Amino acid sequence: MLVLLPPSEGKATAGRGRPVDLAGLSLPGLTEARAAVLDELVELCRSDEDKAAEVLGLSPGLRGEVAKNAALRTAPAMPAGRLYSGVLYDALDLATLDTAARRRAQQSLLVFSGLWGAVRLGDRIPAYRCSMAVRLPGAGGLAAYWKPHMDRVMPEAAGGGLVLDLRSSAYAAAWKPRGEVARRTATVRVLQVAVVDGVEKRTVVSHFNKATKGRLVRALLTSGARPRTPDSLAGALRELGFTVEHSAGEGRLDVLVHELH
């Protein structure tokens, strides 16, 4: 099983350590593309702070992120599994997984990124600010930039098992499974269910959506479940206590939650 995750805006900062080694990252077919985005981002942030803040969509309170990006080539790097924080990663809580579940996470989780394309949890990268929605002056929109590169490397990365796609729409635009891979790809929609004036209403809540996806991935990792199709994934999640609506043969699963946590 390969699980595709979005990154998080919240990131830890390594106090010290070696800088990123692009040649040492997973998916080596992305190395040249990563170098090009990294070079452009660093140069933009070094040469024009105002322009960089505009391109990155930074509020005045986040202008310090420009200086951090300018130093990405020399900044201390840390494993991506420790770097990303935020709601989904707090719920996933990688640090408290047992040894077997942590090994499964290292093998099966892939985090998409506007700067790096995609990384595995063990890949050492520095804290950065560059979402997939960014449009760099040279590279252009990053989702479109990454798409041909991801099309080349992702079929092999997907292997022969289930692909569980939990990315947000901006990151999903960077790679769309096709053909045989698409037939074994599952997506999850989290819906909050509430009864208002006797009528059931279902809504998508961003914070809750992320937290539920984090708990869902954690449950799969700790259980050791290995579903190979969207249908078997639906069954596995039901066994793990999730309320799932799913039509046989379809790729989308709806996970229903009645209380916010």
Protein backbone atom coordinates (compact mmCIF):
# COMPACT_ATOMS: atom_id res chain seq x y z
CA MET A 1 0.00 0.00 0.00
CA LEU A 2 1.17 3.49 -0.88
CA VAL A 3 -0.40 6.40 1.01
CA LEU A 4 -0.19 9.85 -0.59
CA LEU A 5 -0.31 12.73 1.90
CA PRO A 6 -0.28 16.52 1.63
CA PRO A 7 2.45 18.38 3.53
CA SER A 8 1.63 20.88 6.27
CA GLU A 9 2.27 24.59 6.56
CA GLY A 10 3.44 23.94 10.11
CA LYS A 11 6.99 22.63 10.21
CA ALA A 12 9.54 21.93 12.90
CA THR A 13 12.97 23.53 12.64
CA ALA A 14 16.17 21.55 13.01
CA GLY A 15 18.56 23.24 15.41
CA ARG A 16 21.62 21.93 13.68
CA GLY A 17 22.68 19.27 11.23
CA ARG A 18 23.74 18.67 7.65
CA PRO A 19 21.93 20.49 4.85
CA VAL A 20 19.75 18.74 2.31
CA ASP A 21 21.47 16.36 -0.10
CA LEU A 22 19.26 16.25 -3.18
CA ALA A 23 21.02 13.17 -4.52
CA GLY A 24 20.15 11.31 -1.32
CA LEU A 25 16.38 11.83 -1.46
CA SER A 26 13.89 9.16 -2.48
CA LEU A 27 12.52 9.12 -6.03
CA PRO A 28 15.89 10.03 -7.59
CA GLY A 29 14.18 10.66 -10.91
CA LEU A 30 13.07 13.98 -9.44
CA THR A 31 16.57 15.20 -8.52
CA GLU A 32 17.08 17.61 -11.43
CA ALA A 33 13.57 19.01 -11.15
CA ARG A 34 14.04 19.53 -7.40
CA ALA A 35 17.32 21.35 -7.99
CA ALA A 36 15.69 23.70 -10.49
CA VAL A 37 12.84 24.67 -8.14
CA LEU A 38 15.19 24.99 -5.18
CA ASP A 39 17.61 27.23 -7.11
CA GLU A 40 14.82 29.50 -8.33
CA LEU A 41 13.17 29.74 -4.93
CA VAL A 42 16.45 30.54 -3.15
CA GLU A 43 17.44 33.16 -5.74
CA LEU A 44 14.01 34.82 -5.61
CA CYS A 45 14.09 35.02 -1.82
CA ARG A 46 17.66 36.35 -1.79
CA SER A 47 17.19 39.01 -4.42
CA ASP A 48 13.73 40.49 -3.84
CA GLU A 49 12.01 40.05 -0.49
CA ASP A 50 8.87 41.94 -1.54
CA LYS A 51 8.44 39.93 -4.73
CA ALA A 52 9.13 36.69 -2.90
CA ALA A 53 6.51 37.46 -0.25
CA GLU A 54 3.99 38.22 -3.00
CA VAL A 55 4.77 35.04 -4.96
CA LEU A 56 4.58 32.89 -1.83
CA GLY A 57 1.38 34.54 -0.63
CA LEU A 58 2.86 35.55 2.73
CA SER A 59 1.12 37.87 5.16
CA PRO A 60 3.22 40.59 6.86
CA GLY A 61 3.58 38.37 9.91
CA LEU A 62 5.18 35.62 7.84
CA ARG A 63 7.79 37.71 6.03
CA GLY A 64 10.49 35.93 8.00
CA GLU A 65 9.81 32.85 5.86
CA VAL A 66 11.51 34.61 2.95
CA ALA A 67 14.84 34.70 4.79
CA LYS A 68 14.47 31.04 5.73
CA ASN A 69 13.91 30.11 2.08
CA ALA A 70 16.95 32.16 1.05
CA ALA A 71 19.09 29.89 3.26
CA LEU A 72 17.64 26.55 2.18
CA ARG A 73 20.87 25.32 0.60
CA THR A 74 22.74 25.53 3.92
CA ALA A 75 19.92 25.18 6.48
CA PRO A 76 19.95 22.10 8.73
CA ALA A 77 17.80 19.28 7.39
CA MET A 78 15.76 16.73 9.33
CA PRO A 79 13.66 13.68 8.40
CA ALA A 80 10.37 14.66 6.78
CA GLY A 81 8.55 12.51 9.32
CA ARG A 82 9.71 14.88 12.04
CA LEU A 83 9.53 18.05 9.97
CA TYR A 84 5.82 18.14 9.14
CA SER A 85 3.43 19.11 11.91
CA GLY A 86 -0.14 20.40 11.75
CA VAL A 87 -3.50 18.73 12.29
CA LEU A 88 -3.06 15.61 10.14
CA TYR A 89 0.43 14.89 11.42
CA ASP A 90 -0.55 15.54 15.04
CA ALA A 91 -3.32 12.94 14.67
CA LEU A 92 -0.98 10.53 12.90
CA ASP A 93 1.55 11.01 15.74
CA LEU A 94 4.40 9.14 14.07
CA ALA A 95 6.70 9.45 17.08
CA THR A 96 4.51 7.17 19.22
CA LEU A 97 4.09 4.36 16.69
CA ASP A 98 5.59 1.02 17.66
CA THR A 99 8.56 -0.33 15.73
CA ALA A 100 6.54 -2.38 13.25
CA ALA A 101 4.09 0.43 12.51
CA ARG A 102 6.93 2.92 12.13
CA ARG A 103 8.59 0.63 9.60
CA ARG A 104 5.33 0.39 7.66
CA ALA A 105 5.08 4.19 7.69
CA GLN A 106 8.58 4.55 6.30
CA GLN A 107 7.74 2.15 3.49
CA SER A 108 4.24 3.32 2.59
CA LEU A 109 3.85 7.07 3.23
CA LEU A 110 4.73 9.60 0.54
CA VAL A 111 4.33 13.33 1.18
CA PHE A 112 3.77 15.59 -1.82
CA SER A 113 5.49 18.99 -1.79
CA GLY A 114 5.61 22.11 -3.90
CA LEU A 115 9.39 22.30 -3.44
CA TRP A 116 10.49 18.65 -3.43
CA GLY A 117 7.81 17.00 -5.58
CA ALA A 118 7.35 14.15 -3.12
CA VAL A 119 9.40 12.75 -0.24
CA ARG A 120 9.36 9.75 2.05
CA LEU A 121 9.42 10.12 5.83
CA GLY A 122 13.12 9.34 6.11
CA ASP A 123 14.19 11.95 3.56
CA ARG A 124 16.11 14.77 5.25
CA ILE A 125 14.88 18.21 4.21
CA PRO A 126 14.97 21.68 5.79
CA ALA A 127 11.95 23.71 6.88
CA TYR A 128 10.63 25.66 3.89
CA ARG A 129 7.67 27.69 2.65
CA CYS A 130 6.51 26.84 -0.86
CA SER A 131 3.06 25.36 -1.42
CA MET A 132 1.93 23.58 -4.57
CA ALA A 133 -0.30 26.59 -5.30
CA VAL A 134 2.75 28.85 -5.78
CA ARG A 135 3.56 30.15 -9.26
CA LEU A 136 7.27 30.86 -9.59
CA PRO A 137 8.36 33.40 -12.24
CA GLY A 138 10.44 30.83 -14.11
CA ALA A 139 8.98 27.41 -13.35
CA GLY A 140 5.40 28.65 -13.43
CA GLY A 141 2.61 26.97 -11.49
CA LEU A 142 4.18 24.19 -9.46
CA ALA A 143 1.40 21.64 -9.89
CA ALA A 144 1.80 21.86 -13.67
CA TYR A 145 5.61 21.93 -13.34
CA TRP A 146 5.69 18.71 -11.32
CA LYS A 147 3.11 16.80 -13.33
CA PRO A 148 5.35 15.42 -16.14
CA HIS A 149 8.08 14.55 -13.65
CA MET A 150 5.63 12.75 -11.34
CA ASP A 151 4.11 10.93 -14.31
CA ARG A 152 7.52 9.38 -14.91
CA VAL A 153 8.34 8.28 -11.35
CA MET A 154 5.00 7.54 -9.69
CA PRO A 155 3.91 4.38 -11.54
CA GLU A 156 7.01 2.60 -10.21
CA ALA A 157 6.59 4.13 -6.75
CA ALA A 158 2.97 2.95 -6.66
CA GLY A 159 4.08 -0.67 -6.99
CA GLY A 160 1.39 -3.30 -7.39
CA GLY A 161 -0.80 -2.59 -4.36
CA LEU A 162 -3.44 -0.15 -3.23
CA VAL A 163 -2.81 3.58 -3.61
CA LEU A 164 -4.60 5.54 -0.88
CA ASP A 165 -4.75 9.15 -2.02
CA LEU A 166 -5.37 11.57 0.87
CA ARG A 167 -3.96 14.67 -0.81
CA SER A 168 -5.77 17.98 -0.96
CA SER A 169 -6.82 19.20 -4.41
CA ALA A 170 -3.78 21.45 -4.94
CA TYR A 171 -1.40 18.53 -4.41
CA ALA A 172 -3.57 16.01 -6.25
CA ALA A 173 -3.17 18.20 -9.36
CA ALA A 174 0.55 17.34 -9.47
CA TRP A 175 -0.14 13.68 -10.28
CA LYS A 176 -3.28 11.84 -11.32
CA PRO A 177 -3.17 8.03 -11.32
CA ARG A 178 -3.95 6.54 -14.70
CA GLY A 179 -4.83 3.17 -16.18
CA GLU A 180 -4.23 0.15 -13.99
CA VAL A 181 -2.95 2.28 -11.10
CA ALA A 182 -6.14 4.36 -11.15
CA ARG A 183 -8.23 1.21 -10.80
CA ARG A 184 -6.55 0.39 -7.51
CA THR A 185 -6.52 3.94 -6.16
CA ALA A 186 -8.84 4.97 -3.33
CA THR A 187 -9.70 8.47 -2.17
CA VAL A 188 -11.38 9.38 1.11
CA ARG A 189 -13.90 12.10 1.82
CA VAL A 190 -14.57 12.87 5.48
CA LEU A 191 -18.07 14.10 6.27
CA GLN A 192 -19.34 15.46 9.54
CA VAL A 193 -22.88 14.26 10.15
CA ALA A 194 -25.28 16.36 12.21
CA VAL A 195 -29.04 16.39 12.67
CA VAL A 196 -30.54 19.88 12.37
CA ASP A 197 -34.28 20.27 12.97
CA GLY A 198 -34.71 16.57 12.41
CA VAL A 199 -32.86 16.60 9.10
CA GLU A 200 -29.48 14.93 8.65
CA LYS A 201 -26.86 17.23 7.16
CA ARG A 202 -23.39 16.32 6.01
CA THR A 203 -20.58 18.84 5.67
CA VAL A 204 -16.86 18.84 5.01
CA VAL A 205 -14.88 20.54 7.78
CA SER A 206 -11.24 21.21 6.90
CA HIS A 207 -9.74 20.80 10.38
CA PHE A 208 -11.78 17.70 11.12
CA ASN A 209 -11.05 16.25 7.68
CA LYS A 210 -7.31 16.43 8.32
CA ALA A 211 -7.54 14.99 11.84
CA THR A 212 -9.69 12.06 10.73
CA LYS A 213 -7.33 11.24 7.86
CA GLY A 214 -4.41 11.25 10.30
CA ARG A 215 -6.22 8.87 12.65
CA LEU A 216 -7.25 6.68 9.73
CA VAL A 217 -3.67 6.27 8.51
CA ARG A 218 -2.47 5.61 12.04
CA ALA A 219 -5.09 2.89 12.50
CA LEU A 220 -4.03 1.18 9.27
CA LEU A 221 -0.36 1.32 10.24
CA THR A 222 -0.85 0.00 13.77
CA SER A 223 -3.21 -2.78 12.68
CA GLY A 224 -0.93 -4.04 9.96
CA ALA A 225 -3.86 -4.15 7.53
CA ARG A 226 -2.84 -4.57 3.89
CA PRO A 227 -5.86 -3.86 1.71
CA ARG A 228 -5.13 -4.20 -2.00
CA THR A 229 -8.29 -2.66 -3.46
CA PRO A 230 -10.69 0.15 -2.54
CA ASP A 231 -13.29 -2.50 -1.67
CA SER A 232 -10.96 -4.26 0.78
CA LEU A 233 -9.92 -0.89 2.21
CA ALA A 234 -13.54 -0.11 3.03
CA GLY A 235 -13.81 -3.45 4.83
CA ALA A 236 -10.57 -2.90 6.74
CA LEU A 237 -11.64 0.55 7.92
CA ARG A 238 -15.00 -0.79 9.11
CA GLU A 239 -13.17 -3.46 11.11
CA LEU A 240 -11.07 -0.69 12.64
CA GLY A 241 -14.20 1.12 13.83
CA PHE A 242 -14.72 3.74 11.13
CA THR A 243 -18.15 4.36 9.62
CA VAL A 244 -17.66 4.02 5.88
CA GLU A 245 -20.01 4.37 2.94
CA HIS A 246 -18.69 2.81 -0.24
CA SER A 247 -20.15 1.32 -3.39
CA ALA A 248 -18.45 -1.84 -4.63
CA GLY A 249 -16.09 -1.20 -7.50
CA GLU A 250 -15.78 2.53 -6.84
CA GLY A 251 -12.63 4.33 -5.77
CA ARG A 252 -14.12 6.88 -3.38
CA LEU A 253 -14.92 6.15 0.23
CA ASP A 254 -16.95 8.43 2.50
CA VAL A 255 -15.94 8.30 6.16
CA LEU A 256 -18.72 9.61 8.40
CA VAL A 257 -18.03 11.22 11.75
CA HIS A 258 -20.67 12.44 14.16
CA GLU A 259 -18.58 14.36 16.69
CA LEU A 260 -15.74 16.84 16.31
CA HIS A 261 -12.55 16.12 18.26
